[in-house]
Amino acid sequence: MRTVLVTGACGGMGRAICAALLEKQYTVYGIDRKGCKPPEGIRFAECDVTVPASIDAAFARIQSEAGHLDAIVHTAGVYDLDSLLEMDEIRFTRMFEVNLFGVYRVNRTFAPLLCKGGRIIITSSELAPLDPLPFTGVYAVTKAALEKYAYSLRMEANLLGVSVSVIRPGAVRTGLLDDSTRALDRFCEHTQLYRCNAQRFKKIVGSVETRSVPPEIIANTVCNVLTAGRPRYIYNINRNPLLRLLSLLPDRLQVAIIRGILKP
């Protein structure tokens, strides 16, 4: 029986991925934070990816019950935005704890269970390869760092017969979009340095996020990666053409355009 571990199993993408894997007769172990409602049909373990002891407990259970894993699928992640000059350190570091260090911790702990020919699938963001925008910078930085980690891991895991793939979704209709809205509202309300700029930026983000796709699109991609004979490293989904175009421009021109849009 093919066995897959899904992190962030209670989230929108995680839930859709679990459902798709169950439909294809995988045994699915899902981990997520305490208090969330897990998807039906999976084997669920409460786990906080920022706490090593919590990951160790989940590992012990899965090792005793399954004994192996065919794949690890990472969807656990958090979104936040603020100005880099105003964001407090707790929120800043939490982004790295979940989006980067959580992936590292899970892979390091569960690697002994991965079979030869196994797959590690990491959910990143369309922002990862692009130049960061104002106010969403910390999220983009965590995802860019995650992809540097993923590329190095791909090199190392390949020597062990394990493949690593990265999925870069654009806007997906999950709870992260709600998180984005709340973060934008909080930023607009509390910023002291960018009050006029914040409202203009909110309109831009709103227009970008209207072009979203359902999480089932991501789930189908995960299933394709798991069954591909030679899975690709990068899978881009729902990329925003304006963000890509902006990132192709010279740095000075990017700065000038953002200043022209946001500065009153």
Protein backbone atom coordinates (compact mmCIF):
# COMPACT_ATOMS: atom_id res chain seq x y z
CA MET A 1 0.00 0.00 0.00
CA ARG A 2 1.42 3.38 -1.01
CA THR A 3 1.70 5.67 2.00
CA VAL A 4 1.97 9.46 1.95
CA LEU A 5 2.47 12.04 4.70
CA VAL A 6 0.75 15.40 4.18
CA THR A 7 1.63 18.37 6.37
CA GLY A 8 -0.93 21.11 6.89
CA ALA A 9 -3.61 18.47 6.28
CA CYS A 10 -6.45 20.61 7.66
CA GLY A 11 -5.80 23.57 5.37
CA GLY A 12 -7.46 24.14 2.01
CA MET A 13 -4.69 22.66 -0.13
CA GLY A 14 -3.86 19.93 2.37
CA ARG A 15 -7.48 18.86 2.62
CA ALA A 16 -7.89 18.70 -1.17
CA ILE A 17 -4.66 16.74 -1.53
CA CYS A 18 -5.71 14.23 1.14
CA ALA A 19 -9.06 13.70 -0.60
CA ALA A 20 -7.40 13.16 -3.99
CA LEU A 21 -4.89 10.69 -2.55
CA LEU A 22 -7.58 8.72 -0.73
CA GLU A 23 -9.55 8.48 -3.97
CA LYS A 24 -6.49 6.93 -5.61
CA GLN A 25 -6.19 4.37 -2.79
CA TYR A 26 -3.20 5.83 -0.97
CA THR A 27 -2.85 5.45 2.77
CA VAL A 28 -2.69 9.03 3.96
CA TYR A 29 -1.18 10.29 7.19
CA GLY A 30 -1.94 13.93 7.87
CA ILE A 31 -0.41 16.22 10.45
CA ASP A 32 -1.56 19.65 11.54
CA ARG A 33 -1.94 21.79 14.62
CA LYS A 34 -4.03 20.88 17.63
CA GLY A 35 -7.67 21.83 17.43
CA CYS A 36 -8.16 21.65 13.67
CA LYS A 37 -10.73 19.39 12.03
CA PRO A 38 -8.90 16.73 10.00
CA PRO A 39 -10.18 15.45 6.64
CA GLU A 40 -12.27 12.30 6.79
CA GLY A 41 -10.56 9.01 5.99
CA ILE A 42 -6.99 9.93 6.82
CA ARG A 43 -4.84 8.85 9.75
CA PHE A 44 -4.34 12.08 11.61
CA ALA A 45 -1.73 13.11 14.17
CA GLU A 46 -1.66 16.46 15.94
CA CYS A 47 1.68 18.05 15.21
CA ASP A 48 3.18 21.52 15.40
CA VAL A 49 6.01 21.76 12.86
CA THR A 50 7.65 24.49 14.94
CA VAL A 51 8.11 22.07 17.88
CA PRO A 52 10.66 19.25 17.35
CA ALA A 53 9.20 17.11 20.13
CA SER A 54 5.80 17.26 18.45
CA ILE A 55 7.31 16.08 15.15
CA ASP A 56 9.15 13.27 16.95
CA ALA A 57 5.87 12.05 18.46
CA ALA A 58 4.20 11.99 15.04
CA PHE A 59 7.21 10.14 13.62
CA ALA A 60 7.08 7.48 16.33
CA ARG A 61 3.42 6.78 15.59
CA ILE A 62 3.80 6.63 11.81
CA GLN A 63 6.91 4.50 12.08
CA SER A 64 5.12 1.97 14.28
CA GLU A 65 1.94 1.87 12.18
CA ALA A 66 3.21 2.20 8.61
CA GLY A 67 6.93 1.52 8.80
CA HIS A 68 7.61 3.41 5.58
CA LEU A 69 6.60 6.39 3.45
CA ASP A 70 6.42 6.68 -0.31
CA ALA A 71 6.17 10.47 -0.23
CA ILE A 72 6.09 13.57 1.94
CA VAL A 73 3.87 16.41 0.73
CA HIS A 74 4.39 19.79 2.39
CA THR A 75 1.47 22.22 2.45
CA ALA A 76 1.86 23.63 5.99
CA GLY A 77 2.48 27.36 5.76
CA VAL A 78 1.49 30.75 7.11
CA TYR A 79 0.96 34.08 5.43
CA ASP A 80 1.46 37.54 6.87
CA LEU A 81 2.36 40.96 5.59
CA ASP A 82 3.58 44.20 7.09
CA SER A 83 6.25 46.77 6.48
CA LEU A 84 9.72 45.49 7.28
CA LEU A 85 10.33 48.58 9.41
CA GLU A 86 7.27 47.98 11.61
CA MET A 87 6.76 44.21 11.81
CA ASP A 88 7.54 42.84 15.28
CA GLU A 89 10.15 40.12 15.68
CA ILE A 90 7.74 37.43 16.88
CA ARG A 91 5.64 37.61 13.72
CA PHE A 92 8.72 37.95 11.54
CA THR A 93 10.46 34.87 12.92
CA ARG A 94 7.24 32.80 13.00
CA MET A 95 7.07 33.04 9.22
CA PHE A 96 10.47 31.38 8.97
CA GLU A 97 9.66 28.85 11.71
CA VAL A 98 6.70 27.48 9.75
CA ASN A 99 7.49 28.15 6.08
CA LEU A 100 11.16 27.15 6.13
CA PHE A 101 12.28 25.49 9.35
CA GLY A 102 9.10 23.40 9.58
CA VAL A 103 9.84 21.83 6.19
CA TYR A 104 13.44 21.19 7.20
CA ARG A 105 12.41 19.59 10.50
CA VAL A 106 9.82 17.27 8.96
CA ASN A 107 12.15 16.13 6.17
CA ARG A 108 15.03 15.54 8.55
CA THR A 109 12.88 13.52 10.95
CA PHE A 110 10.90 11.46 8.42
CA ALA A 111 13.67 10.83 5.87
CA PRO A 112 14.52 7.40 7.37
CA LEU A 113 11.01 6.20 6.44
CA LEU A 114 11.22 7.22 2.77
CA CYS A 115 11.51 4.33 0.34
CA LYS A 116 13.93 4.37 -2.56
CA GLY A 117 12.07 6.06 -5.39
CA GLY A 118 10.22 8.16 -2.86
CA ARG A 119 9.06 11.72 -3.48
CA ILE A 120 9.26 14.95 -1.49
CA ILE A 121 6.86 17.63 -2.73
CA ILE A 122 7.19 21.15 -1.35
CA THR A 123 4.55 23.83 -1.83
CA SER A 124 6.19 27.19 -2.43
CA SER A 125 4.72 30.30 -4.07
CA GLU A 126 4.75 32.08 -7.40
CA LEU A 127 6.48 34.92 -5.52
CA ALA A 128 9.54 32.80 -4.68
CA PRO A 129 11.50 33.36 -7.93
CA LEU A 130 10.33 36.96 -8.33
CA ASP A 131 11.73 40.14 -6.87
CA PRO A 132 9.90 40.89 -3.59
CA LEU A 133 7.19 43.52 -3.51
CA PRO A 134 6.71 46.03 -0.68
CA PHE A 135 4.82 44.89 2.41
CA THR A 136 4.67 41.23 1.28
CA GLY A 137 8.44 41.01 1.48
CA VAL A 138 8.74 38.73 4.49
CA TYR A 139 6.48 36.09 2.93
CA ALA A 140 8.38 36.22 -0.35
CA VAL A 141 11.71 35.98 1.48
CA THR A 142 10.64 32.84 3.36
CA LYS A 143 9.50 31.20 0.13
CA ALA A 144 12.66 32.21 -1.73
CA ALA A 145 14.75 30.72 1.07
CA LEU A 146 12.57 27.60 0.98
CA GLU A 147 13.33 27.13 -2.71
CA LYS A 148 17.08 27.47 -2.14
CA TYR A 149 16.71 24.77 0.51
CA ALA A 150 14.61 22.63 -1.86
CA TYR A 151 17.13 22.86 -4.68
CA SER A 152 20.01 21.82 -2.44
CA LEU A 153 17.87 19.04 -0.98
CA ARG A 154 17.07 17.87 -4.50
CA MET A 155 20.78 17.49 -5.23
CA GLU A 156 21.38 15.49 -2.05
CA ALA A 157 18.20 13.38 -2.10
CA ASN A 158 18.82 12.38 -5.71
CA LEU A 159 21.91 10.51 -4.53
CA LEU A 160 19.61 8.42 -2.31
CA GLY A 161 17.05 7.70 -5.03
CA VAL A 162 14.52 10.25 -3.74
CA SER A 163 13.16 13.04 -5.95
CA VAL A 164 12.25 16.55 -4.82
CA SER A 165 9.66 18.68 -6.61
CA VAL A 166 8.40 22.20 -5.91
CA ILE A 167 4.89 23.41 -6.68
CA ARG A 168 4.57 27.18 -7.14
CA PRO A 169 0.90 28.12 -6.91
CA GLY A 170 -0.41 31.59 -7.50
CA ALA A 171 -3.59 32.62 -5.70
CA VAL A 172 -5.54 29.57 -4.52
CA ARG A 173 -9.00 29.67 -2.99
CA THR A 174 -8.06 28.55 0.52
CA GLY A 175 -7.92 30.02 4.00
CA LEU A 176 -4.66 31.75 3.07
CA LEU A 177 -6.66 34.20 0.95
CA ASP A 178 -8.69 35.06 4.06
CA ASP A 179 -5.42 35.41 5.98
CA SER A 180 -4.21 37.79 3.29
CA THR A 181 -7.33 39.92 3.61
CA ARG A 182 -7.06 40.08 7.39
CA ALA A 183 -3.36 40.90 7.22
CA LEU A 184 -4.04 43.69 4.72
CA ASP A 185 -6.77 45.16 6.92
CA ARG A 186 -4.51 45.01 9.97
CA PHE A 187 -1.65 46.62 8.09
CA CYS A 188 -3.84 49.45 6.78
CA GLU A 189 -5.20 50.08 10.26
CA HIS A 190 -1.95 50.01 12.23
CA THR A 191 0.82 51.26 9.96
CA GLN A 192 2.24 54.60 11.01
CA LEU A 193 4.68 55.01 8.13
CA TYR A 194 2.61 54.09 5.09
CA ARG A 195 -1.02 55.09 5.67
CA CYS A 196 -1.74 56.44 2.18
CA ASN A 197 0.42 53.78 0.52
CA ALA A 198 -1.33 50.95 2.37
CA GLN A 199 -4.77 51.68 0.95
CA ARG A 200 -3.41 51.82 -2.59
CA PHE A 201 -1.51 48.59 -2.06
CA LYS A 202 -4.68 46.91 -0.77
CA LYS A 203 -6.45 47.63 -4.07
CA ILE A 204 -3.56 46.12 -6.04
CA VAL A 205 -3.49 42.93 -3.96
CA GLY A 206 -7.25 42.60 -4.25
CA SER A 207 -7.07 42.70 -8.03
CA VAL A 208 -4.31 40.05 -8.07
CA GLU A 209 -6.16 37.66 -5.78
CA THR A 210 -9.39 37.71 -7.80
CA ARG A 211 -7.59 35.49 -10.33
CA SER A 212 -7.54 32.43 -8.07
CA VAL A 213 -7.90 28.69 -8.70
CA PRO A 214 -9.52 25.95 -6.57
CA PRO A 215 -7.24 23.81 -4.36
CA GLU A 216 -8.19 20.72 -6.36
CA ILE A 217 -5.87 22.00 -9.10
CA ILE A 218 -2.96 21.70 -6.68
CA ALA A 219 -4.17 18.26 -5.57
CA ASN A 220 -4.20 17.02 -9.17
CA THR A 221 -0.67 18.28 -9.64
CA VAL A 222 0.49 16.41 -6.53
CA CYS A 223 -1.05 13.20 -7.86
CA ASN A 224 0.75 13.72 -11.19
CA VAL A 225 4.08 14.23 -9.44
CA LEU A 226 3.59 11.03 -7.43
CA THR A 227 2.91 8.91 -10.52
CA ALA A 228 5.32 10.53 -12.99
CA GLY A 229 8.23 8.37 -14.08
CA ARG A 230 10.56 11.35 -13.98
CA PRO A 231 8.86 14.19 -12.09
CA ARG A 232 9.88 17.74 -12.91
CA TYR A 233 11.51 19.93 -10.29
CA ILE A 234 9.23 22.97 -10.73
CA TYR A 235 5.47 23.00 -11.34
CA ASN A 236 4.06 26.51 -11.91
CA ILE A 237 0.32 26.98 -11.40
CA ASN A 238 -1.75 30.13 -11.99
CA ARG A 239 1.12 32.57 -12.39
CA ASN A 240 0.19 36.23 -12.56
CA PRO A 241 1.54 37.76 -15.80
CA LEU A 242 1.83 41.29 -14.39
CA LEU A 243 3.95 40.13 -11.45
CA ARG A 244 6.20 38.20 -13.81
CA LEU A 245 6.54 41.18 -16.14
CA LEU A 246 7.40 43.55 -13.30
CA SER A 247 10.11 41.20 -12.06
CA LEU A 248 11.71 41.10 -15.51
CA LEU A 249 12.27 44.86 -15.51
CA PRO A 250 15.54 46.43 -14.28
CA ASP A 251 15.63 46.98 -10.52
CA ARG A 252 15.63 50.78 -10.76
CA LEU A 253 12.60 50.72 -13.05
CA GLN A 254 10.74 48.38 -10.67
CA VAL A 255 11.36 50.75 -7.79
CA ALA A 256 10.23 53.73 -9.86
CA ILE A 257 7.01 51.98 -10.92
CA ILE A 258 6.14 50.96 -7.35
CA ARG A 259 6.87 54.49 -6.13
CA GLY A 260 4.65 55.92 -8.86
CA ILE A 261 1.78 53.59 -7.95
CA LEU A 262 1.95 53.82 -4.17
CA LYS A 263 3.35 57.22 -3.34
CA PRO A 264 0.66 59.92 -2.97
